Amino acid sequence: MMRELDVTDRETAVQVLRLQRRAYAVEAQIIDNTALPPLRDTVDTLYDLE
C-alpha cells in the first residue's frame, strides 16, 4: 500500500532526504554525472516541493 508522506514534518523530511540522496547517488554513479539537482536538495528545499 502506498501513502503520501508529509515532508512538512521535519523527521519525515530528513528520512526522505536520506533515501533520496542514496538513490540519486546510485543513479549519478551509473550515468557518471554527479550534478543531478536532487543531490543538492536539503530538508528546507523539500518543504518547497509541496
N, C-alpha and C. Protein backbone atom coordinates (compact mmCIF):
# COMPACT_ATOMS: atom_id res chain seq x y z
N MET A 1 0.84 -1.18 0.00
CA MET A 1 0.00 0.00 0.00
C MET A 1 0.89 1.24 0.00
N MET A 2 0.51 2.19 -0.81
CA MET A 2 1.24 3.45 -0.88
C MET A 2 0.47 4.52 -0.12
N ARG A 3 1.23 5.44 0.48
CA ARG A 3 0.57 6.57 1.11
C ARG A 3 1.46 7.80 0.95
N GLU A 4 0.85 8.93 0.93
CA GLU A 4 1.59 10.18 0.77
C GLU A 4 2.32 10.52 2.07
N LEU A 5 3.56 10.96 1.93
CA LEU A 5 4.34 11.35 3.09
C LEU A 5 4.26 12.86 3.28
N ASP A 6 4.21 13.27 4.53
CA ASP A 6 4.14 14.69 4.87
C ASP A 6 5.55 15.21 5.09
N VAL A 7 6.16 15.80 4.05
CA VAL A 7 7.52 16.30 4.19
C VAL A 7 7.59 17.62 4.94
N THR A 8 6.45 18.14 5.38
CA THR A 8 6.49 19.31 6.25
C THR A 8 6.79 18.89 7.68
N ASP A 9 6.69 17.60 7.95
CA ASP A 9 7.14 17.05 9.23
C ASP A 9 8.65 16.86 9.11
N ARG A 10 9.40 17.54 9.95
CA ARG A 10 10.86 17.58 9.79
C ARG A 10 11.49 16.19 9.81
N GLU A 11 11.10 15.32 10.72
CA GLU A 11 11.70 13.98 10.79
C GLU A 11 11.40 13.18 9.52
N THR A 12 10.20 13.31 9.00
CA THR A 12 9.86 12.64 7.74
C THR A 12 10.71 13.19 6.61
N ALA A 13 10.87 14.51 6.58
CA ALA A 13 11.68 15.14 5.54
C ALA A 13 13.13 14.66 5.61
N VAL A 14 13.66 14.52 6.81
CA VAL A 14 15.04 14.05 6.98
C VAL A 14 15.17 12.63 6.42
N GLN A 15 14.21 11.78 6.72
CA GLN A 15 14.26 10.40 6.24
C GLN A 15 14.10 10.33 4.72
N VAL A 16 13.21 11.13 4.18
CA VAL A 16 13.02 11.17 2.73
C VAL A 16 14.30 11.66 2.05
N LEU A 17 14.92 12.68 2.62
CA LEU A 17 16.15 13.21 2.04
C LEU A 17 17.26 12.17 2.05
N ARG A 18 17.38 11.42 3.13
CA ARG A 18 18.40 10.35 3.20
C ARG A 18 18.19 9.33 2.09
N LEU A 19 16.96 8.89 1.94
CA LEU A 19 16.64 7.91 0.90
C LEU A 19 16.88 8.50 -0.49
N GLN A 20 16.44 9.73 -0.69
CA GLN A 20 16.61 10.39 -1.98
C GLN A 20 18.09 10.50 -2.34
N ARG A 21 18.91 10.91 -1.40
CA ARG A 21 20.34 11.05 -1.68
C ARG A 21 20.99 9.72 -2.03
N ARG A 22 20.61 8.68 -1.32
CA ARG A 22 21.18 7.35 -1.63
C ARG A 22 20.78 6.91 -3.03
N ALA A 23 19.51 7.10 -3.37
CA ALA A 23 19.02 6.67 -4.68
C ALA A 23 19.67 7.46 -5.81
N TYR A 24 19.72 8.77 -5.66
CA TYR A 24 20.31 9.59 -6.71
C TYR A 24 21.82 9.42 -6.80
N ALA A 25 22.47 9.09 -5.70
CA ALA A 25 23.91 8.82 -5.74
C ALA A 25 24.18 7.60 -6.62
N VAL A 26 23.33 6.59 -6.51
CA VAL A 26 23.48 5.40 -7.35
C VAL A 26 23.25 5.78 -8.82
N GLU A 27 22.19 6.54 -9.07
CA GLU A 27 21.92 6.97 -10.45
C GLU A 27 23.08 7.80 -11.00
N ALA A 28 23.59 8.72 -10.19
CA ALA A 28 24.70 9.56 -10.64
C ALA A 28 25.92 8.73 -10.99
N GLN A 29 26.15 7.70 -10.21
CA GLN A 29 27.29 6.81 -10.48
C GLN A 29 27.08 6.04 -11.79
N ILE A 30 25.86 5.56 -12.00
CA ILE A 30 25.55 4.80 -13.21
C ILE A 30 25.74 5.66 -14.46
N ILE A 31 25.25 6.90 -14.41
CA ILE A 31 25.33 7.75 -15.60
C ILE A 31 26.57 8.64 -15.60
N ASP A 32 27.41 8.48 -14.56
CA ASP A 32 28.66 9.24 -14.44
C ASP A 32 28.41 10.75 -14.49
N ASN A 33 27.47 11.18 -13.67
CA ASN A 33 27.12 12.60 -13.59
C ASN A 33 26.68 12.93 -12.17
N THR A 34 27.54 13.60 -11.42
CA THR A 34 27.20 13.92 -10.03
C THR A 34 26.50 15.26 -9.90
N ALA A 35 26.12 15.87 -11.01
CA ALA A 35 25.48 17.19 -10.97
C ALA A 35 23.96 17.11 -10.97
N LEU A 36 23.40 16.00 -10.56
CA LEU A 36 21.95 15.87 -10.54
C LEU A 36 21.35 16.82 -9.49
N PRO A 37 20.39 17.65 -9.87
CA PRO A 37 19.81 18.61 -8.93
C PRO A 37 19.31 18.01 -7.61
N PRO A 38 18.67 16.84 -7.60
CA PRO A 38 18.21 16.30 -6.33
C PRO A 38 19.32 16.01 -5.32
N LEU A 39 20.55 15.88 -5.79
CA LEU A 39 21.66 15.67 -4.87
C LEU A 39 22.00 16.93 -4.09
N ARG A 40 21.47 18.06 -4.53
CA ARG A 40 21.70 19.33 -3.83
C ARG A 40 20.54 19.71 -2.92
N ASP A 41 19.50 18.90 -2.88
CA ASP A 41 18.34 19.19 -2.02
C ASP A 41 18.75 19.19 -0.55
N THR A 42 18.00 19.96 0.21
CA THR A 42 18.14 19.99 1.66
C THR A 42 16.76 19.73 2.25
N VAL A 43 16.69 19.59 3.55
CA VAL A 43 15.38 19.43 4.19
C VAL A 43 14.50 20.62 3.85
N ASP A 44 15.07 21.81 3.86
CA ASP A 44 14.29 23.02 3.56
C ASP A 44 13.77 23.05 2.13
N THR A 45 14.55 22.56 1.17
CA THR A 45 14.06 22.55 -0.21
C THR A 45 12.96 21.51 -0.40
N LEU A 46 12.95 20.47 0.41
CA LEU A 46 11.85 19.50 0.33
C LEU A 46 10.54 20.16 0.74
N TYR A 47 10.58 21.07 1.70
CA TYR A 47 9.37 21.80 2.10
C TYR A 47 8.79 22.56 0.92
N ASP A 48 9.67 23.09 0.08
CA ASP A 48 9.23 23.90 -1.07
C ASP A 48 8.58 23.07 -2.17
N LEU A 49 8.72 21.74 -2.10
CA LEU A 49 8.13 20.88 -3.13
C LEU A 49 6.64 20.70 -2.96
N GLU A 50 6.13 21.04 -1.80
CA GLU A 50 4.70 20.85 -1.52
C GLU A 50 3.86 21.73 -2.40
